[in-house]
Amino acid sequence: MAHDDELPALRASAFFPSLTVTKSPLRDSWEPLADCLAGAIEGKPLGTLQRLGSYSFIERNSVATV
């Protein structure tokens, strides 16, 4: 298993066996992260700052199926 199938230098599909991954591009996290940091600096409660981003699950040969 690996996280983030969007790293250009490391392709999870190139491993043997090809790795099962979650796909959640890092580039999509910068704006929510900046909003969280700004909110924390402003003193907003941490519980209100948490965000769940979108992701995909890509099953490949690194997991066994029953």
PDB file of N, CA and C in Angstrom:
ATOM      1  N   MET A   1       0.852  -1.181   0.000  1.00  0.00           N
ATOM      2  CA  MET A   1       0.000   0.000   0.000  1.00  0.00           C
ATOM      3  C   MET A   1       0.888   1.231   0.000  1.00  0.00           C
ATOM      4  N   ALA A   2       0.434   2.234  -0.672  1.00  0.00           N
ATOM      5  CA  ALA A   2       1.129   3.514  -0.682  1.00  0.00           C
ATOM      6  C   ALA A   2       0.077   4.618  -0.716  1.00  0.00           C
ATOM      7  N   HIS A   3       0.511   5.809  -0.390  1.00  0.00           N
ATOM      8  CA  HIS A   3      -0.383   6.964  -0.464  1.00  0.00           C
ATOM      9  C   HIS A   3       0.085   7.882  -1.574  1.00  0.00           C
ATOM     10  N   ASP A   4      -0.833   8.429  -2.291  1.00  0.00           N
ATOM     11  CA  ASP A   4      -0.633   9.439  -3.317  1.00  0.00           C
ATOM     12  C   ASP A   4      -0.011   8.878  -4.582  1.00  0.00           C
ATOM     13  N   ASP A   5      -0.838   8.577  -5.505  1.00  0.00           N
ATOM     14  CA  ASP A   5      -0.429   8.022  -6.793  1.00  0.00           C
ATOM     15  C   ASP A   5      -0.035   9.119  -7.777  1.00  0.00           C
ATOM     16  N   GLU A   6       0.131  10.331  -7.310  1.00  0.00           N
ATOM     17  CA  GLU A   6       0.399  11.463  -8.187  1.00  0.00           C
ATOM     18  C   GLU A   6       1.832  11.976  -8.109  1.00  0.00           C
ATOM     19  N   LEU A   7       2.746  11.255  -7.485  1.00  0.00           N
ATOM     20  CA  LEU A   7       4.127  11.705  -7.419  1.00  0.00           C
ATOM     21  C   LEU A   7       4.822  11.359  -8.729  1.00  0.00           C
ATOM     22  N   PRO A   8       5.301  12.363  -9.470  1.00  0.00           N
ATOM     23  CA  PRO A   8       5.823  12.108 -10.817  1.00  0.00           C
ATOM     24  C   PRO A   8       7.050  11.208 -10.865  1.00  0.00           C
ATOM     25  N   ALA A   9       7.905  11.250  -9.873  1.00  0.00           N
ATOM     26  CA  ALA A   9       9.139  10.468  -9.921  1.00  0.00           C
ATOM     27  C   ALA A   9       8.937   9.021  -9.466  1.00  0.00           C
ATOM     28  N   LEU A  10       7.853   8.743  -8.767  1.00  0.00           N
ATOM     29  CA  LEU A  10       7.594   7.406  -8.228  1.00  0.00           C
ATOM     30  C   LEU A  10       6.228   6.923  -8.672  1.00  0.00           C
ATOM     31  N   ARG A  11       6.193   6.031  -9.605  1.00  0.00           N
ATOM     32  CA  ARG A  11       4.924   5.482 -10.074  1.00  0.00           C
ATOM     33  C   ARG A  11       4.657   4.173  -9.348  1.00  0.00           C
ATOM     34  N   ALA A  12       3.592   4.135  -8.576  1.00  0.00           N
ATOM     35  CA  ALA A  12       3.251   2.937  -7.811  1.00  0.00           C
ATOM     36  C   ALA A  12       2.988   1.745  -8.727  1.00  0.00           C
ATOM     37  N   SER A  13       2.530   2.013  -9.923  1.00  0.00           N
ATOM     38  CA  SER A  13       2.246   0.936 -10.872  1.00  0.00           C
ATOM     39  C   SER A  13       3.525   0.308 -11.423  1.00  0.00           C
ATOM     40  N   ALA A  14       4.676   0.967 -11.247  1.00  0.00           N
ATOM     41  CA  ALA A  14       5.941   0.447 -11.752  1.00  0.00           C
ATOM     42  C   ALA A  14       6.602  -0.544 -10.795  1.00  0.00           C
ATOM     43  N   PHE A  15       6.127  -0.612  -9.549  1.00  0.00           N
ATOM     44  CA  PHE A  15       6.678  -1.567  -8.581  1.00  0.00           C
ATOM     45  C   PHE A  15       6.221  -2.976  -8.928  1.00  0.00           C
ATOM     46  N   PHE A  16       6.936  -3.948  -8.390  1.00  0.00           N
ATOM     47  CA  PHE A  16       6.504  -5.334  -8.565  1.00  0.00           C
ATOM     48  C   PHE A  16       6.346  -5.958  -7.190  1.00  0.00           C
ATOM     49  N   PRO A  17       5.152  -6.371  -6.811  1.00  0.00           N
ATOM     50  CA  PRO A  17       3.907  -6.180  -7.558  1.00  0.00           C
ATOM     51  C   PRO A  17       3.504  -4.706  -7.535  1.00  0.00           C
ATOM     52  N   SER A  18       2.681  -4.317  -8.490  1.00  0.00           N
ATOM     53  CA  SER A  18       2.227  -2.924  -8.534  1.00  0.00           C
ATOM     54  C   SER A  18       1.456  -2.617  -7.246  1.00  0.00           C
ATOM     55  N   LEU A  19       1.703  -1.430  -6.690  1.00  0.00           N
ATOM     56  CA  LEU A  19       1.173  -1.082  -5.374  1.00  0.00           C
ATOM     57  C   LEU A  19      -0.258  -0.567  -5.428  1.00  0.00           C
ATOM     58  N   THR A  20      -1.050  -1.012  -4.496  1.00  0.00           N
ATOM     59  CA  THR A  20      -2.372  -0.454  -4.264  1.00  0.00           C
ATOM     60  C   THR A  20      -2.163   0.907  -3.610  1.00  0.00           C
ATOM     61  N   VAL A  21      -2.938   1.895  -4.013  1.00  0.00           N
ATOM     62  CA  VAL A  21      -2.705   3.251  -3.519  1.00  0.00           C
ATOM     63  C   VAL A  21      -4.007   3.970  -3.209  1.00  0.00           C
ATOM     64  N   THR A  22      -3.867   4.996  -2.402  1.00  0.00           N
ATOM     65  CA  THR A  22      -4.901   6.014  -2.318  1.00  0.00           C
ATOM     66  C   THR A  22      -4.410   7.138  -3.212  1.00  0.00           C
ATOM     67  N   LYS A  23      -5.310   7.765  -3.907  1.00  0.00           N
ATOM     68  CA  LYS A  23      -4.941   8.854  -4.813  1.00  0.00           C
ATOM     69  C   LYS A  23      -5.577  10.130  -4.284  1.00  0.00           C
ATOM     70  N   SER A  24      -4.745  11.022  -3.835  1.00  0.00           N
ATOM     71  CA  SER A  24      -5.182  12.299  -3.291  1.00  0.00           C
ATOM     72  C   SER A  24      -4.069  13.284  -3.581  1.00  0.00           C
ATOM     73  N   PRO A  25      -4.091  13.911  -4.737  1.00  0.00           N
ATOM     74  CA  PRO A  25      -2.971  14.745  -5.164  1.00  0.00           C
ATOM     75  C   PRO A  25      -2.592  15.821  -4.150  1.00  0.00           C
ATOM     76  N   LEU A  26      -1.315  15.895  -3.854  1.00  0.00           N
ATOM     77  CA  LEU A  26      -0.790  16.872  -2.906  1.00  0.00           C
ATOM     78  C   LEU A  26      -1.122  18.296  -3.347  1.00  0.00           C
ATOM     79  N   ARG A  27      -1.128  18.539  -4.652  1.00  0.00           N
ATOM     80  CA  ARG A  27      -1.396  19.894  -5.136  1.00  0.00           C
ATOM     81  C   ARG A  27      -2.789  20.373  -4.738  1.00  0.00           C
ATOM     82  N   ASP A  28      -3.705  19.439  -4.484  1.00  0.00           N
ATOM     83  CA  ASP A  28      -5.065  19.817  -4.096  1.00  0.00           C
ATOM     84  C   ASP A  28      -5.176  20.163  -2.615  1.00  0.00           C
ATOM     85  N   SER A  29      -4.111  19.966  -1.856  1.00  0.00           N
ATOM     86  CA  SER A  29      -4.193  20.183  -0.410  1.00  0.00           C
ATOM     87  C   SER A  29      -3.683  21.548   0.033  1.00  0.00           C
ATOM     88  N   TRP A  30      -3.024  22.288  -0.853  1.00  0.00           N
ATOM     89  CA  TRP A  30      -2.394  23.545  -0.407  1.00  0.00           C
ATOM     90  C   TRP A  30      -3.405  24.596   0.031  1.00  0.00           C
ATOM     91  N   GLU A  31      -4.475  24.800  -0.719  1.00  0.00           N
ATOM     92  CA  GLU A  31      -5.456  25.819  -0.349  1.00  0.00           C
ATOM     93  C   GLU A  31      -6.154  25.486   0.969  1.00  0.00           C
ATOM     94  N   PRO A  32      -6.653  24.242   1.156  1.00  0.00           N
ATOM     95  CA  PRO A  32      -7.256  23.919   2.462  1.00  0.00           C
ATOM     96  C   PRO A  32      -6.250  24.028   3.616  1.00  0.00           C
ATOM     97  N   LEU A  33      -5.003  23.678   3.360  1.00  0.00           N
ATOM     98  CA  LEU A  33      -3.984  23.788   4.403  1.00  0.00           C
ATOM     99  C   LEU A  33      -3.756  25.254   4.782  1.00  0.00           C
ATOM    100  N   ALA A  34      -3.698  26.128   3.787  1.00  0.00           N
ATOM    101  CA  ALA A  34      -3.527  27.564   4.059  1.00  0.00           C
ATOM    102  C   ALA A  34      -4.722  28.106   4.832  1.00  0.00           C
ATOM    103  N   ASP A  35      -5.933  27.679   4.464  1.00  0.00           N
ATOM    104  CA  ASP A  35      -7.133  28.109   5.189  1.00  0.00           C
ATOM    105  C   ASP A  35      -7.093  27.641   6.639  1.00  0.00           C
ATOM    106  N   CYS A  36      -6.627  26.420   6.857  1.00  0.00           N
ATOM    107  CA  CYS A  36      -6.522  25.872   8.210  1.00  0.00           C
ATOM    108  C   CYS A  36      -5.514  26.677   9.034  1.00  0.00           C
ATOM    109  N   LEU A  37      -4.375  26.970   8.440  1.00  0.00           N
ATOM    110  CA  LEU A  37      -3.348  27.741   9.136  1.00  0.00           C
ATOM    111  C   LEU A  37      -3.864  29.135   9.483  1.00  0.00           C
ATOM    112  N   ALA A  38      -4.517  29.787   8.523  1.00  0.00           N
ATOM    113  CA  ALA A  38      -5.062  31.123   8.785  1.00  0.00           C
ATOM    114  C   ALA A  38      -6.100  31.067   9.903  1.00  0.00           C
ATOM    115  N   GLY A  39      -6.946  30.056   9.890  1.00  0.00           N
ATOM    116  CA  GLY A  39      -7.945  29.904  10.940  1.00  0.00           C
ATOM    117  C   GLY A  39      -7.317  29.669  12.304  1.00  0.00           C
ATOM    118  N   ALA A  40      -6.266  28.872  12.341  1.00  0.00           N
ATOM    119  CA  ALA A  40      -5.571  28.607  13.608  1.00  0.00           C
ATOM    120  C   ALA A  40      -4.938  29.887  14.148  1.00  0.00           C
ATOM    121  N   ILE A  41      -4.351  30.677  13.262  1.00  0.00           N
ATOM    122  CA  ILE A  41      -3.750  31.951  13.678  1.00  0.00           C
ATOM    123  C   ILE A  41      -4.821  32.900  14.213  1.00  0.00           C
ATOM    124  N   GLU A  42      -6.011  32.854  13.601  1.00  0.00           N
ATOM    125  CA  GLU A  42      -7.123  33.702  14.048  1.00  0.00           C
ATOM    126  C   GLU A  42      -7.762  33.200  15.340  1.00  0.00           C
ATOM    127  N   GLY A  43      -7.359  32.008  15.795  1.00  0.00           N
ATOM    128  CA  GLY A  43      -7.878  31.467  17.047  1.00  0.00           C
ATOM    129  C   GLY A  43      -9.163  30.670  16.911  1.00  0.00           C
ATOM    130  N   LYS A  44      -9.516  30.270  15.700  1.00  0.00           N
ATOM    131  CA  LYS A  44     -10.720  29.464  15.509  1.00  0.00           C
ATOM    132  C   LYS A  44     -10.528  28.098  16.169  1.00  0.00           C
ATOM    133  N   PRO A  45     -11.586  27.496  16.705  1.00  0.00           N
ATOM    134  CA  PRO A  45     -11.474  26.166  17.320  1.00  0.00           C
ATOM    135  C   PRO A  45     -10.974  25.143  16.300  1.00  0.00           C
ATOM    136  N   LEU A  46     -10.041  24.311  16.721  1.00  0.00           N
ATOM    137  CA  LEU A  46      -9.438  23.342  15.802  1.00  0.00           C
ATOM    138  C   LEU A  46     -10.475  22.406  15.191  1.00  0.00           C
ATOM    139  N   GLY A  47     -11.509  22.066  15.929  1.00  0.00           N
ATOM    140  CA  GLY A  47     -12.541  21.182  15.407  1.00  0.00           C
ATOM    141  C   GLY A  47     -13.265  21.754  14.202  1.00  0.00           C
ATOM    142  N   THR A  48     -13.297  23.073  14.087  1.00  0.00           N
ATOM    143  CA  THR A  48     -13.968  23.694  12.945  1.00  0.00           C
ATOM    144  C   THR A  48     -13.060  23.813  11.726  1.00  0.00           C
ATOM    145  N   LEU A  49     -11.789  23.549  11.907  1.00  0.00           N
ATOM    146  CA  LEU A  49     -10.827  23.716  10.816  1.00  0.00           C
ATOM    147  C   LEU A  49     -10.568  22.432  10.036  1.00  0.00           C
ATOM    148  N   GLN A  50     -10.931  21.306  10.595  1.00  0.00           N
ATOM    149  CA  GLN A  50     -10.650  20.018   9.954  1.00  0.00           C
ATOM    150  C   GLN A  50     -11.458  19.857   8.676  1.00  0.00           C
ATOM    151  N   ARG A  51     -10.808  19.374   7.624  1.00  0.00           N
ATOM    152  CA  ARG A  51     -11.463  19.126   6.336  1.00  0.00           C
ATOM    153  C   ARG A  51     -11.107  17.727   5.863  1.00  0.00           C
ATOM    154  N   LEU A  52     -12.042  17.083   5.217  1.00  0.00           N
ATOM    155  CA  LEU A  52     -11.798  15.789   4.604  1.00  0.00           C
ATOM    156  C   LEU A  52     -11.776  16.007   3.103  1.00  0.00           C
ATOM    157  N   GLY A  53     -10.623  15.762   2.500  1.00  0.00           N
ATOM    158  CA  GLY A  53     -10.484  15.961   1.067  1.00  0.00           C
ATOM    159  C   GLY A  53     -10.946  14.750   0.283  1.00  0.00           C
ATOM    160  N   SER A  54     -11.069  14.940  -1.000  1.00  0.00           N
ATOM    161  CA  SER A  54     -11.477  13.826  -1.849  1.00  0.00           C
ATOM    162  C   SER A  54     -10.288  12.902  -2.098  1.00  0.00           C
ATOM    163  N   TYR A  55     -10.582  11.651  -2.348  1.00  0.00           N
ATOM    164  CA  TYR A  55      -9.546  10.672  -2.618  1.00  0.00           C
ATOM    165  C   TYR A  55     -10.145   9.538  -3.432  1.00  0.00           C
ATOM    166  N   SER A  56      -9.273   8.768  -4.027  1.00  0.00           N
ATOM    167  CA  SER A  56      -9.671   7.547  -4.741  1.00  0.00           C
ATOM    168  C   SER A  56      -8.850   6.389  -4.193  1.00  0.00           C
ATOM    169  N   PHE A  57      -9.381   5.204  -4.305  1.00  0.00           N
ATOM    170  CA  PHE A  57      -8.679   3.993  -3.900  1.00  0.00           C
ATOM    171  C   PHE A  57      -8.445   3.177  -5.164  1.00  0.00           C
ATOM    172  N   ILE A  58      -7.186   2.880  -5.448  1.00  0.00           N
ATOM    173  CA  ILE A  58      -6.834   2.144  -6.657  1.00  0.00           C
ATOM    174  C   ILE A  58      -6.214   0.813  -6.245  1.00  0.00           C
ATOM    175  N   GLU A  59      -6.957  -0.255  -6.427  1.00  0.00           N
ATOM    176  CA  GLU A  59      -6.479  -1.590  -6.040  1.00  0.00           C
ATOM    177  C   GLU A  59      -5.635  -2.171  -7.166  1.00  0.00           C
ATOM    178  N   ARG A  60      -4.442  -2.605  -6.778  1.00  0.00           N
ATOM    179  CA  ARG A  60      -3.542  -3.240  -7.734  1.00  0.00           C
ATOM    180  C   ARG A  60      -3.085  -4.583  -7.173  1.00  0.00           C
ATOM    181  N   ASN A  61      -2.010  -5.127  -7.714  1.00  0.00           N
ATOM    182  CA  ASN A  61      -1.570  -6.482  -7.382  1.00  0.00           C
ATOM    183  C   ASN A  61      -0.923  -6.652  -6.010  1.00  0.00           C
ATOM    184  N   SER A  62      -0.728  -5.568  -5.261  1.00  0.00           N
ATOM    185  CA  SER A  62      -0.063  -5.699  -3.955  1.00  0.00           C
ATOM    186  C   SER A  62      -1.006  -6.183  -2.865  1.00  0.00           C
ATOM    187  N   VAL A  63      -2.283  -6.316  -3.157  1.00  0.00           N
ATOM    188  CA  VAL A  63      -3.220  -6.858  -2.169  1.00  0.00           C
ATOM    189  C   VAL A  63      -3.816  -8.149  -2.694  1.00  0.00           C
ATOM    190  N   ALA A  64      -4.070  -9.049  -1.769  1.00  0.00           N
ATOM    191  CA  ALA A  64      -4.640 -10.342  -2.157  1.00  0.00           C
ATOM    192  C   ALA A  64      -6.152 -10.237  -2.164  1.00  0.00           C
ATOM    193  N   THR A  65      -6.776 -10.894  -3.092  1.00  0.00           N
ATOM    194  CA  THR A  65      -8.221 -10.976  -3.095  1.00  0.00           C
ATOM    195  C   THR A  65      -8.621 -12.387  -2.725  1.00  0.00           C
ATOM    196  N   VAL A  66      -9.692 -12.503  -2.007  1.00  0.00           N
ATOM    197  CA  VAL A  66     -10.133 -13.804  -1.519  1.00  0.00           C
ATOM    198  C   VAL A  66     -11.274 -14.310  -2.358  1.00  0.00           C
TER     199      VAL A  66
END
